[in-house]
């Protein structure tokens, strides 16, 4: 009986020691990788900004200036930026918005020139939309339909053959994802139109 009790205590101390060492190692690894991960995420956002509106050097947060009533939209504003070049001249705006797709939140970064025309679209996060269907919203074939256009009344249609530039062809088999992206881009356009 005493031997069993001694083995139990010995095993408990061994397990506690192993857990303590594993916890310390995990904390050490976390502390040493936290900063490089944050820098990598920041670089990825900068790359997305350059993709949607090239030539930006200074990014000024104007979220408080553009936010207001958003009746009728299911999207939300994450960030609104006024963009200036190296000479301090305003070259446009970048709006980061999100909407709910089939697989969860879809975050979209949209660039606008000074005339509020869409200059580019980027997806800063990995999307959880259906592979092969909903993920097609990240293909240029789909989102390039918005580039160069202005307005916040874009509509998703199937097999668009009209000349209405506010009509955007849906991704076949991914209507929910197409509508979510459209909602986020319409909301970004509305926010850009409020910017001065």
Protein backbone atom coordinates (compact mmCIF):
# COMPACT_ATOMS: atom_id res chain seq x y z
CA UNK A 1 0.00 0.00 0.00
CA UNK A 2 2.83 2.36 0.89
CA UNK A 3 4.59 1.53 -2.35
CA UNK A 4 1.44 2.35 -4.34
CA UNK A 5 1.06 5.66 -2.51
CA UNK A 6 4.72 6.54 -3.12
CA UNK A 7 4.43 5.74 -6.84
CA UNK A 8 1.29 7.86 -7.11
CA UNK A 9 3.00 10.87 -5.49
CA UNK A 10 6.12 10.36 -7.62
CA UNK A 11 4.00 10.20 -10.81
CA UNK A 12 2.04 13.30 -9.78
CA UNK A 13 5.25 15.29 -9.21
CA UNK A 14 6.68 14.07 -12.53
CA UNK A 15 3.51 15.10 -14.36
CA UNK A 16 3.51 18.53 -12.66
CA UNK A 17 7.18 19.03 -13.57
CA UNK A 18 6.59 18.09 -17.22
CA UNK A 19 3.55 20.41 -17.37
CA UNK A 20 5.57 23.26 -15.85
CA UNK A 21 8.41 22.81 -18.36
CA UNK A 22 5.97 22.57 -21.29
CA UNK A 23 4.18 25.74 -20.12
CA UNK A 24 7.46 27.65 -19.80
CA UNK A 25 8.56 26.52 -23.27
CA UNK A 26 5.21 27.48 -24.76
CA UNK A 27 5.41 30.93 -23.13
CA UNK A 28 8.97 31.38 -24.42
CA UNK A 29 7.97 30.46 -27.98
CA UNK A 30 4.92 32.75 -27.82
CA UNK A 31 6.96 35.73 -26.62
CA UNK A 32 9.59 35.18 -29.33
CA UNK A 33 7.09 34.80 -32.18
CA UNK A 34 4.51 37.42 -31.16
CA UNK A 35 6.35 40.38 -32.70
CA UNK A 36 7.33 38.68 -36.01
CA UNK A 37 3.71 37.53 -36.47
CA UNK A 38 2.43 41.08 -35.84
CA UNK A 39 4.98 42.53 -38.29
CA UNK A 40 3.99 39.95 -40.91
CA UNK A 41 0.29 40.81 -40.51
CA UNK A 42 1.08 44.53 -40.76
CA UNK A 43 3.11 43.95 -43.95
CA UNK A 44 0.25 41.97 -45.45
CA UNK A 45 -2.13 44.88 -44.82
CA UNK A 46 0.36 47.34 -46.37
CA UNK A 47 0.60 45.11 -49.45
CA UNK A 48 -3.21 45.08 -49.69
CA UNK A 49 -3.29 48.88 -49.41
CA UNK A 50 -0.75 49.16 -52.23
CA UNK A 51 -2.78 46.73 -54.33
CA UNK A 52 -6.03 48.68 -53.99
CA UNK A 53 -4.56 52.19 -54.27
CA UNK A 54 -0.95 52.42 -55.36
CA UNK A 55 1.29 55.34 -54.48
CA UNK A 56 0.07 55.82 -50.93
CA UNK A 57 2.62 56.98 -48.38
CA UNK A 58 0.52 58.38 -45.54
CA UNK A 59 -2.69 56.81 -44.27
CA UNK A 60 -4.93 59.04 -42.13
CA UNK A 61 -7.77 57.45 -40.19
CA UNK A 62 -11.04 59.22 -41.02
CA UNK A 63 -13.41 56.57 -39.65
CA UNK A 64 -15.06 59.04 -37.29
CA UNK A 65 -15.74 61.46 -40.17
CA UNK A 66 -17.54 59.02 -42.48
CA UNK A 67 -19.47 56.79 -40.12
CA UNK A 68 -23.10 57.63 -39.70
CA UNK A 69 -26.47 56.15 -40.47
CA UNK A 70 -26.13 52.93 -42.41
CA UNK A 71 -29.76 51.89 -42.69
CA UNK A 72 -30.33 49.04 -45.07
CA UNK A 73 -26.78 47.69 -44.90
CA UNK A 74 -25.72 44.51 -43.17
CA UNK A 75 -22.06 45.38 -43.62
CA UNK A 76 -19.89 47.18 -41.11
CA UNK A 77 -17.01 49.62 -41.36
CA UNK A 78 -13.71 48.41 -39.93
CA UNK A 79 -11.48 51.26 -41.07
CA UNK A 80 -11.66 54.37 -43.27
CA UNK A 81 -8.42 55.97 -44.46
CA UNK A 82 -7.57 59.08 -46.44
CA UNK A 83 -4.46 58.33 -48.49
CA UNK A 84 -1.77 60.83 -49.38
CA UNK A 85 1.31 60.43 -51.58
CA UNK A 86 4.88 61.37 -50.61
CA UNK A 87 4.18 65.03 -51.47
CA UNK A 88 1.24 65.17 -49.06
CA UNK A 89 -1.34 65.27 -51.86
CA UNK A 90 -4.56 63.32 -51.37
CA UNK A 91 -4.75 60.49 -53.88
CA UNK A 92 -7.88 58.75 -52.62
CA UNK A 93 -9.40 56.62 -49.90
CA UNK A 94 -9.23 53.08 -48.58
CA UNK A 95 -12.24 51.55 -46.85
CA UNK A 96 -12.11 48.24 -45.01
CA UNK A 97 -15.54 46.73 -44.50
CA UNK A 98 -16.98 43.34 -43.63
CA UNK A 99 -20.13 41.42 -44.34
CA UNK A 100 -21.39 37.94 -43.52
CA UNK A 101 -20.92 35.34 -46.24
CA UNK A 102 -21.89 31.69 -46.41
CA UNK A 103 -18.88 30.59 -44.36
CA UNK A 104 -18.59 33.54 -42.00
CA UNK A 105 -17.21 37.06 -42.03
CA UNK A 106 -15.80 38.40 -45.30
CA UNK A 107 -13.43 41.32 -44.83
CA UNK A 108 -12.83 43.49 -47.91
CA UNK A 109 -10.38 46.34 -48.53
CA UNK A 110 -11.57 48.70 -51.28
CA UNK A 111 -9.54 51.54 -52.81
CA UNK A 112 -11.05 54.70 -54.29
CA UNK A 113 -9.50 57.52 -56.29
CA UNK A 114 -10.35 61.17 -55.59
CA UNK A 115 -13.43 60.90 -57.83
CA UNK A 116 -14.62 57.94 -55.72
CA UNK A 117 -14.11 55.39 -58.53
CA UNK A 118 -13.11 51.94 -57.28
CA UNK A 119 -9.41 51.37 -57.97
CA UNK A 120 -8.88 47.98 -56.38
CA UNK A 121 -10.21 45.28 -54.08
CA UNK A 122 -8.29 43.00 -51.74
CA UNK A 123 -9.12 40.31 -49.20
CA UNK A 124 -6.78 40.62 -46.18
CA UNK A 125 -7.88 37.40 -44.46
CA UNK A 126 -8.28 33.83 -45.54
CA UNK A 127 -11.96 33.34 -46.26
CA UNK A 128 -13.95 30.37 -45.02
CA UNK A 129 -16.27 30.28 -48.01
CA UNK A 130 -16.98 26.99 -49.81
CA UNK A 131 -13.86 25.86 -51.71
CA UNK A 132 -14.47 25.80 -55.43
CA UNK A 133 -17.65 27.89 -55.21
CA UNK A 134 -17.74 30.72 -52.68
CA UNK A 135 -13.97 31.16 -52.84
CA UNK A 136 -14.39 32.25 -56.47
CA UNK A 137 -15.34 35.69 -55.15
CA UNK A 138 -11.59 36.23 -54.65
CA UNK A 139 -10.92 35.60 -58.36
CA UNK A 140 -10.22 38.66 -60.45
CA UNK A 141 -12.89 37.54 -62.92
CA UNK A 142 -15.49 38.38 -60.31
CA UNK A 143 -14.24 41.40 -58.40
CA UNK A 144 -12.72 43.18 -61.42
CA UNK A 145 -16.31 43.89 -62.47
CA UNK A 146 -16.25 46.67 -59.83
CA UNK A 147 -12.96 48.30 -60.86
CA UNK A 148 -13.32 51.75 -62.40
CA UNK A 149 -16.94 52.04 -61.37
CA UNK A 150 -18.52 54.55 -59.03
CA UNK A 151 -21.57 54.34 -56.83
CA UNK A 152 -23.07 52.33 -54.04
CA UNK A 153 -25.99 50.74 -55.82
CA UNK A 154 -24.30 47.68 -57.28
CA UNK A 155 -26.65 44.73 -57.73
CA UNK A 156 -25.83 41.06 -58.11
CA UNK A 157 -27.52 39.49 -61.13
CA UNK A 158 -27.30 36.14 -62.86
CA UNK A 159 -26.16 36.10 -66.48
CA UNK A 160 -26.02 39.87 -66.88
CA UNK A 161 -26.23 40.93 -70.49
CA UNK A 162 -27.45 44.49 -69.97
CA UNK A 163 -25.30 47.58 -70.23
CA UNK A 164 -26.14 48.74 -66.70
CA UNK A 165 -22.73 49.17 -65.10
CA UNK A 166 -24.18 48.79 -61.60
CA UNK A 167 -25.13 45.17 -62.34
CA UNK A 168 -22.50 42.63 -61.33
CA UNK A 169 -22.54 39.01 -62.50
CA UNK A 170 -22.83 36.62 -59.56
CA UNK A 171 -20.44 33.74 -59.09
CA UNK A 172 -22.37 30.69 -60.26
CA UNK A 173 -23.33 28.53 -57.29
CA UNK A 174 -22.19 31.14 -54.77
CA UNK A 175 -25.03 33.63 -54.54
CA UNK A 176 -24.69 34.16 -50.77
CA UNK A 177 -20.97 34.89 -51.08
CA UNK A 178 -21.53 37.14 -54.11
CA UNK A 179 -24.20 39.10 -52.25
CA UNK A 180 -21.97 39.42 -49.17
CA UNK A 181 -19.10 40.87 -51.19
CA UNK A 182 -21.50 43.17 -53.00
CA UNK A 183 -22.91 44.37 -49.66
CA UNK A 184 -19.41 45.09 -48.32
CA UNK A 185 -18.38 46.95 -51.50
CA UNK A 186 -21.62 48.97 -51.62
CA UNK A 187 -21.09 49.93 -47.99
CA UNK A 188 -17.46 50.89 -48.66
CA UNK A 189 -18.61 53.02 -51.61
CA UNK A 190 -21.20 54.77 -49.45
CA UNK A 191 -18.51 55.50 -46.83
CA UNK A 192 -16.12 56.79 -49.49
CA UNK A 193 -18.81 59.11 -50.83
CA UNK A 194 -19.07 60.65 -47.35
CA UNK A 195 -15.33 61.31 -47.19
CA UNK A 196 -13.96 64.79 -47.85
